[in-house]
């Protein structure tokens, strides 16, 4: 059986890879985290087949977790009335993991970040694996880098199921988690090699070559990311672009006022009356020709020192996301130089 986790780069065609792997003679289930990705996948499937085939199922992760994993095996026991998306009260971390209150609130709703743990605690993982094997020939999980906490443990456990498994994601585009719960898998995204080791431990060798080249970013942008952020990314393109730091006041004003160039801020982009977004929130947006990235003070210092790769992991990943939104040029501006334009 083909079991792989493909660690891709931005713009390498993760969705295209999944869509190209689908066929009418194989029963496939695709799981993704966000509603946007869910609708995008359905749209791409319809583009390929003209309709959603009966052999293809697309689910958001929590629909999969609640409806496919929890309900068939545990609903009769817990009778949950839905999902509580809030962080569980702190006192629950002191409870035994066999205590019902650890998983379900006073209104009878399951805590979203503990459903995967409940499935493990109740020893029904084998049943979930068998159910996957019974109804599907292949499982795809999109944006695997978004899975954290107990949800990441569940993904590893599913690797034992008797069907083809393809997890696809970009480690360095990890900017948020499906869920967190105390210290469970708190640091798995701090180190690329350690992250890969988790999959080695369950018998899956990570694939870092199949989707190693970007169709979006130019060779110049890829070279900047590789050299200055320490993230290896290559380009399929043969066109050229620029990566420039703007210092002249008139240049900065012109670029800030340009309605065709998005301005990407680390945070609080709404304070500026322009086409803008925050670094991390720009993930998934691939239609920008040029991007203009504002560097907050600590990032500005790291840029001057040639030390961007040593920003904390979350900030570096968000900067990587921002850089890889560009189909052409990347411009940098010190954020303090545009404070005058804030609302």
Protein backbone atom coordinates (compact mmCIF):
# COMPACT_ATOMS: atom_id res chain seq x y z
CA UNK A 1 0.00 0.00 0.00
CA UNK A 2 1.10 3.52 -0.77
CA UNK A 3 1.47 5.51 2.44
CA UNK A 4 3.17 8.89 2.15
CA UNK A 5 3.39 12.31 3.72
CA UNK A 6 4.40 14.79 1.04
CA UNK A 7 6.06 17.87 2.50
CA UNK A 8 5.59 20.49 -0.19
CA UNK A 9 6.62 24.09 -0.77
CA UNK A 10 4.29 27.03 -1.36
CA UNK A 11 2.79 27.07 -4.83
CA UNK A 12 3.96 23.55 -5.70
CA UNK A 13 0.47 22.28 -6.55
CA UNK A 14 -0.69 20.42 -3.44
CA UNK A 15 -4.34 20.52 -4.47
CA UNK A 16 -3.49 19.58 -8.05
CA UNK A 17 -1.56 16.56 -6.77
CA UNK A 18 -4.62 15.36 -4.84
CA UNK A 19 -7.01 15.96 -7.73
CA UNK A 20 -4.73 14.17 -10.21
CA UNK A 21 -4.67 11.16 -7.86
CA UNK A 22 -8.45 10.71 -8.00
CA UNK A 23 -10.13 8.26 -10.36
CA UNK A 24 -13.62 6.86 -10.82
CA UNK A 25 -12.50 3.31 -10.06
CA UNK A 26 -11.10 4.11 -6.59
CA UNK A 27 -13.11 5.10 -3.52
CA UNK A 28 -11.47 8.21 -2.08
CA UNK A 29 -11.96 10.34 1.01
CA UNK A 30 -10.35 13.77 1.25
CA UNK A 31 -10.10 15.53 4.62
CA UNK A 32 -9.14 19.19 4.94
CA UNK A 33 -9.19 21.67 7.80
CA UNK A 34 -10.78 24.90 6.57
CA UNK A 35 -14.14 25.59 4.91
CA UNK A 36 -12.31 27.51 2.17
CA UNK A 37 -10.18 24.49 1.30
CA UNK A 38 -13.28 22.27 1.41
CA UNK A 39 -15.10 24.40 -1.17
CA UNK A 40 -11.95 24.79 -3.28
CA UNK A 41 -11.45 21.01 -3.41
CA UNK A 42 -15.06 20.41 -4.40
CA UNK A 43 -14.72 23.03 -7.15
CA UNK A 44 -11.57 21.36 -8.49
CA UNK A 45 -13.19 17.91 -8.42
CA UNK A 46 -16.15 19.23 -10.43
CA UNK A 47 -13.70 20.81 -12.89
CA UNK A 48 -12.08 17.40 -13.40
CA UNK A 49 -15.13 15.14 -13.59
CA UNK A 50 -17.98 17.56 -14.30
CA UNK A 51 -19.62 16.48 -11.02
CA UNK A 52 -18.76 15.03 -7.61
CA UNK A 53 -18.45 11.28 -8.22
CA UNK A 54 -20.11 8.86 -5.78
CA UNK A 55 -16.65 7.39 -5.24
CA UNK A 56 -15.23 10.68 -3.87
CA UNK A 57 -16.02 12.08 -0.41
CA UNK A 58 -14.77 15.50 0.75
CA UNK A 59 -15.07 16.39 4.45
CA UNK A 60 -13.81 19.12 6.72
CA UNK A 61 -11.67 17.67 9.49
CA UNK A 62 -14.15 18.18 12.32
CA UNK A 63 -16.99 16.72 10.26
CA UNK A 64 -14.78 13.69 9.68
CA UNK A 65 -13.84 13.54 13.35
CA UNK A 66 -17.38 13.90 14.70
CA UNK A 67 -19.47 12.11 12.07
CA UNK A 68 -17.10 9.43 10.81
CA UNK A 69 -14.97 8.68 13.89
CA UNK A 70 -17.04 9.56 16.98
CA UNK A 71 -20.70 8.97 16.11
CA UNK A 72 -20.64 5.34 14.89
CA UNK A 73 -18.77 4.07 17.95
CA UNK A 74 -19.27 6.42 20.90
CA UNK A 75 -22.50 8.37 20.43
CA UNK A 76 -24.64 5.79 22.21
CA UNK A 77 -22.42 6.16 25.28
CA UNK A 78 -21.87 9.93 25.36
CA UNK A 79 -24.94 11.31 23.53
CA UNK A 80 -23.08 14.50 22.69
CA UNK A 81 -25.20 17.41 21.45
CA UNK A 82 -22.56 18.86 19.19
CA UNK A 83 -19.16 20.49 19.56
CA UNK A 84 -17.91 23.16 21.96
CA UNK A 85 -15.25 25.20 20.13
CA UNK A 86 -14.02 27.03 23.24
CA UNK A 87 -10.91 26.09 25.19
CA UNK A 88 -11.91 23.74 28.04
CA UNK A 89 -11.72 25.19 31.58
CA UNK A 90 -8.25 24.98 33.07
CA UNK A 91 -9.35 22.72 35.93
CA UNK A 92 -10.13 19.93 33.47
CA UNK A 93 -6.42 19.42 32.78
CA UNK A 94 -6.15 18.07 36.33
CA UNK A 95 -8.80 15.42 35.71
CA UNK A 96 -8.16 11.79 34.88
CA UNK A 97 -8.38 11.15 31.15
CA UNK A 98 -11.06 8.58 31.91
CA UNK A 99 -13.30 11.28 33.43
CA UNK A 100 -16.24 12.18 31.21
CA UNK A 101 -15.99 15.84 32.27
CA UNK A 102 -12.59 16.01 30.57
CA UNK A 103 -14.29 15.59 27.19
CA UNK A 104 -17.81 16.98 27.49
CA UNK A 105 -19.18 20.25 28.89
CA UNK A 106 -22.19 20.85 31.14
CA UNK A 107 -24.40 21.33 28.05
CA UNK A 108 -23.46 17.94 26.65
CA UNK A 109 -21.13 19.19 23.91
CA UNK A 110 -17.75 17.65 23.15
CA UNK A 111 -14.68 19.88 23.47
CA UNK A 112 -13.36 20.14 19.92
CA UNK A 113 -9.71 19.75 20.93
CA UNK A 114 -10.36 16.48 22.81
CA UNK A 115 -12.54 14.44 20.46
CA UNK A 116 -9.45 12.73 18.99
CA UNK A 117 -8.21 11.98 22.52
CA UNK A 118 -11.62 10.50 23.43
CA UNK A 119 -11.40 8.14 20.45
CA UNK A 120 -7.98 7.00 21.69
CA UNK A 121 -9.09 6.75 25.34
CA UNK A 122 -12.10 4.63 24.45
CA UNK A 123 -9.88 2.31 22.36
CA UNK A 124 -11.95 2.62 19.19
CA UNK A 125 -9.04 3.63 16.94
CA UNK A 126 -9.00 0.13 15.48
CA UNK A 127 -12.69 0.44 14.61
CA UNK A 128 -12.04 3.78 12.88
CA UNK A 129 -9.18 2.25 10.90
CA UNK A 130 -11.37 -0.70 9.87
CA UNK A 131 -14.19 1.63 8.85
CA UNK A 132 -11.81 3.58 6.61
CA UNK A 133 -10.53 0.36 5.05
CA UNK A 134 -14.07 -0.92 4.48
CA UNK A 135 -15.46 2.12 2.70
CA UNK A 136 -12.41 3.64 0.98
CA UNK A 137 -9.37 2.69 -1.06
CA UNK A 138 -7.44 5.90 -0.42
CA UNK A 139 -7.34 8.66 2.19
CA UNK A 140 -6.02 12.14 1.48
CA UNK A 141 -5.42 14.75 4.18
CA UNK A 142 -4.85 18.26 2.84
CA UNK A 143 -2.86 20.94 4.71
CA UNK A 144 -1.46 18.37 7.11
CA UNK A 145 0.74 21.07 8.70
CA UNK A 146 -2.37 22.54 10.36
CA UNK A 147 -2.90 19.50 12.58
CA UNK A 148 -1.81 19.82 16.19
CA UNK A 149 -2.57 18.57 19.68
CA UNK A 150 -4.46 15.27 19.89
CA UNK A 151 -5.49 15.64 16.24
CA UNK A 152 -1.90 15.09 15.12
CA UNK A 153 -1.77 11.88 17.18
CA UNK A 154 -4.93 10.70 15.45
CA UNK A 155 -3.37 11.26 12.02
CA UNK A 156 -0.40 9.14 13.02
CA UNK A 157 -2.70 6.39 14.26
CA UNK A 158 -4.64 6.33 10.99
CA UNK A 159 -1.43 5.38 9.18
CA UNK A 160 -2.06 1.78 10.29
CA UNK A 161 -5.33 1.55 8.36
CA UNK A 162 -5.41 -0.85 5.39
CA UNK A 163 -5.72 1.65 2.54
CA UNK A 164 -3.53 4.05 0.59
CA UNK A 165 -2.75 7.18 2.59
CA UNK A 166 -1.50 10.50 1.25
CA UNK A 167 -0.92 13.38 3.67
CA UNK A 168 0.05 16.64 1.92
CA UNK A 169 1.22 19.89 3.47
CA UNK A 170 3.90 22.56 3.82
CA UNK A 171 5.64 22.41 7.20
CA UNK A 172 6.69 26.06 7.02
CA UNK A 173 3.15 27.25 6.33
CA UNK A 174 2.18 26.12 9.81
CA UNK A 175 0.65 29.28 11.29
CA UNK A 176 -2.20 27.82 13.40
CA UNK A 177 -3.37 24.44 14.73
CA UNK A 178 -6.57 22.46 14.44
CA UNK A 179 -6.46 22.43 18.23
CA UNK A 180 -4.22 22.67 21.27
CA UNK A 181 -4.54 21.05 24.66
CA UNK A 182 -1.95 21.86 27.27
CA UNK A 183 1.48 20.61 26.23
CA UNK A 184 0.27 17.90 23.84
CA UNK A 185 2.45 18.16 20.72
CA UNK A 186 3.15 21.76 21.65
CA UNK A 187 6.59 21.86 20.01
CA UNK A 188 6.20 19.57 16.97
CA UNK A 189 6.50 22.50 14.56
CA UNK A 190 9.67 23.92 16.07
CA UNK A 191 12.00 21.66 14.11
CA UNK A 192 11.61 20.20 10.62
CA UNK A 193 13.73 17.10 11.25
CA UNK A 194 11.93 16.29 14.49
CA UNK A 195 8.58 16.68 12.72
CA UNK A 196 9.60 14.19 10.05
CA UNK A 197 10.71 11.77 12.77
CA UNK A 198 7.09 11.50 13.97
CA UNK A 199 6.16 9.95 10.63
CA UNK A 200 9.25 7.73 10.54
CA UNK A 201 8.09 6.36 13.91
CA UNK A 202 4.84 5.08 12.33
CA UNK A 203 6.57 3.62 9.30
CA UNK A 204 6.13 6.46 6.82
CA UNK A 205 9.11 8.07 5.12
CA UNK A 206 8.38 11.75 4.37
CA UNK A 207 8.62 12.77 0.71
CA UNK A 208 10.40 16.14 0.32
CA UNK A 209 11.05 15.95 -3.43
CA UNK A 210 7.73 15.39 -5.26
CA UNK A 211 6.45 18.92 -4.54
CA UNK A 212 9.72 20.75 -3.93
CA UNK A 213 9.38 23.33 -6.76
CA UNK A 214 6.97 26.26 -6.80
CA UNK A 215 4.88 27.19 -9.83
CA UNK A 216 4.11 30.57 -8.22
CA UNK A 217 7.39 32.01 -6.99
CA UNK A 218 10.23 33.10 -9.27
CA UNK A 219 13.81 31.81 -8.93
CA UNK A 220 14.82 35.13 -7.32
CA UNK A 221 12.12 34.93 -4.63
CA UNK A 222 12.92 31.26 -4.00
CA UNK A 223 16.64 32.08 -3.69
CA UNK A 224 15.89 34.82 -1.15
CA UNK A 225 13.72 32.48 0.95
CA UNK A 226 16.31 29.71 0.82
CA UNK A 227 19.23 31.97 1.74
CA UNK A 228 17.65 34.31 4.26
CA UNK A 229 14.86 32.25 5.84
CA UNK A 230 16.67 28.92 5.66
CA UNK A 231 13.71 27.25 3.95
CA UNK A 232 14.62 25.22 0.89
CA UNK A 233 12.35 26.10 -2.02
CA UNK A 234 12.99 25.98 -5.76
CA UNK A 235 11.09 27.32 -8.76
CA UNK A 236 9.57 25.86 -11.91
CA UNK A 237 9.55 29.32 -13.48
CA UNK A 238 12.08 30.68 -15.95
CA UNK A 239 10.98 34.32 -15.58
CA UNK A 240 12.84 36.91 -13.48
CA UNK A 241 11.68 39.25 -10.74
CA UNK A 242 13.10 41.49 -8.03
CA UNK A 243 13.40 41.31 -4.27
CA UNK A 244 13.98 44.89 -3.14
CA UNK A 245 14.14 46.83 0.12
CA UNK A 246 12.65 50.30 -0.38
CA UNK A 247 14.17 53.24 1.51
CA UNK A 248 13.35 56.38 -0.46
CA UNK A 249 10.33 58.28 0.89
CA UNK A 250 8.80 58.77 -2.56
CA UNK A 251 9.25 55.08 -3.42
CA UNK A 252 7.57 54.09 -0.17
CA UNK A 253 4.66 56.49 -0.69
CA UNK A 254 4.13 55.34 -4.27
CA UNK A 255 4.16 51.66 -3.33
CA UNK A 256 1.87 52.19 -0.32
CA UNK A 257 -0.69 54.04 -2.42
CA UNK A 258 -0.57 51.51 -5.28
CA UNK A 259 -3.92 49.72 -5.36
CA UNK A 260 -2.48 46.81 -7.34
CA UNK A 261 0.16 45.82 -4.78
CA UNK A 262 -0.99 44.21 -1.56
CA UNK A 263 0.65 45.39 1.65
CA UNK A 264 1.30 42.56 4.12
CA UNK A 265 1.66 43.44 7.80
CA UNK A 266 2.67 41.20 10.68
CA UNK A 267 -0.55 42.22 12.46
CA UNK A 268 -3.23 44.95 12.60
CA UNK A 269 -3.39 45.48 8.85
CA UNK A 270 -6.85 47.06 9.23
CA UNK A 271 -5.22 50.16 10.72
CA UNK A 272 -4.01 51.09 7.25
CA UNK A 273 -6.30 52.42 4.47
CA UNK A 274 -4.93 50.33 1.65
CA UNK A 275 -5.12 46.90 0.01
CA UNK A 276 -3.68 44.88 2.88
CA UNK A 277 -3.61 41.66 4.88
CA UNK A 278 -1.66 40.16 7.77
CA UNK A 279 1.26 37.85 6.97
CA UNK A 280 -0.29 34.65 8.34
CA UNK A 281 -3.83 35.41 7.17
CA UNK A 282 -2.63 35.72 3.58
CA UNK A 283 -2.11 31.95 3.43
CA UNK A 284 -4.08 30.42 0.58
CA UNK A 285 -4.14 33.65 -1.43
CA UNK A 286 -2.25 33.09 -4.67
CA UNK A 287 -3.53 35.80 -7.01
CA UNK A 288 -1.10 38.64 -6.17
CA UNK A 289 1.41 39.73 -8.79
CA UNK A 290 3.62 41.78 -6.45
CA UNK A 291 3.61 41.92 -2.66
CA UNK A 292 4.94 44.59 -0.32
CA UNK A 293 5.96 43.26 3.08
CA UNK A 294 6.11 45.54 6.10
CA UNK A 295 8.82 44.64 8.60
CA UNK A 296 8.01 45.26 12.27
CA UNK A 297 10.96 46.38 14.47
CA UNK A 298 12.32 42.94 15.45
CA UNK A 299 12.00 41.66 11.87
CA UNK A 300 13.61 44.85 10.59
CA UNK A 301 16.61 44.30 12.84
CA UNK A 302 16.84 40.66 11.75
CA UNK A 303 16.71 41.75 8.10
CA UNK A 304 19.57 44.22 8.58
CA UNK A 305 21.60 41.61 10.45
CA UNK A 306 20.93 38.92 7.83
CA UNK A 307 19.30 36.88 10.60
CA UNK A 308 15.70 36.38 9.46
CA UNK A 309 16.03 32.60 9.75
CA UNK A 310 16.40 32.99 13.51
CA UNK A 311 13.13 34.78 14.09
CA UNK A 312 10.91 32.65 16.31
CA UNK A 313 9.38 29.79 14.33
CA UNK A 314 5.88 31.29 14.16
CA UNK A 315 7.09 34.68 12.89
CA UNK A 316 9.47 33.13 10.37
CA UNK A 317 6.71 30.89 9.03
CA UNK A 318 4.35 33.85 8.63
CA UNK A 319 7.06 35.76 6.79
CA UNK A 320 7.55 32.76 4.51
CA UNK A 321 3.82 32.75 3.81
CA UNK A 322 3.96 36.47 3.00
CA UNK A 323 6.93 36.13 0.64
CA UNK A 324 5.39 33.21 -1.23
CA UNK A 325 2.17 35.07 -2.05
CA UNK A 326 4.04 36.85 -4.86
CA UNK A 327 3.84 35.66 -8.44
CA UNK A 328 6.46 38.26 -9.34
CA UNK A 329 8.21 40.92 -7.22
CA UNK A 330 8.66 41.19 -3.45
CA UNK A 331 9.24 44.58 -1.85
CA UNK A 332 10.21 45.18 1.79
CA UNK A 333 9.49 48.36 3.74
CA UNK A 334 10.23 49.19 7.37
CA UNK A 335 6.80 49.41 9.00
CA UNK A 336 7.77 52.52 10.94
CA UNK A 337 8.11 54.31 7.58
CA UNK A 338 4.37 53.95 6.88
CA UNK A 339 3.02 54.78 10.35
CA UNK A 340 2.08 58.20 8.98
CA UNK A 341 -0.57 56.53 6.79
CA UNK A 342 -2.32 54.66 9.61
CA UNK A 343 -5.88 55.52 10.57
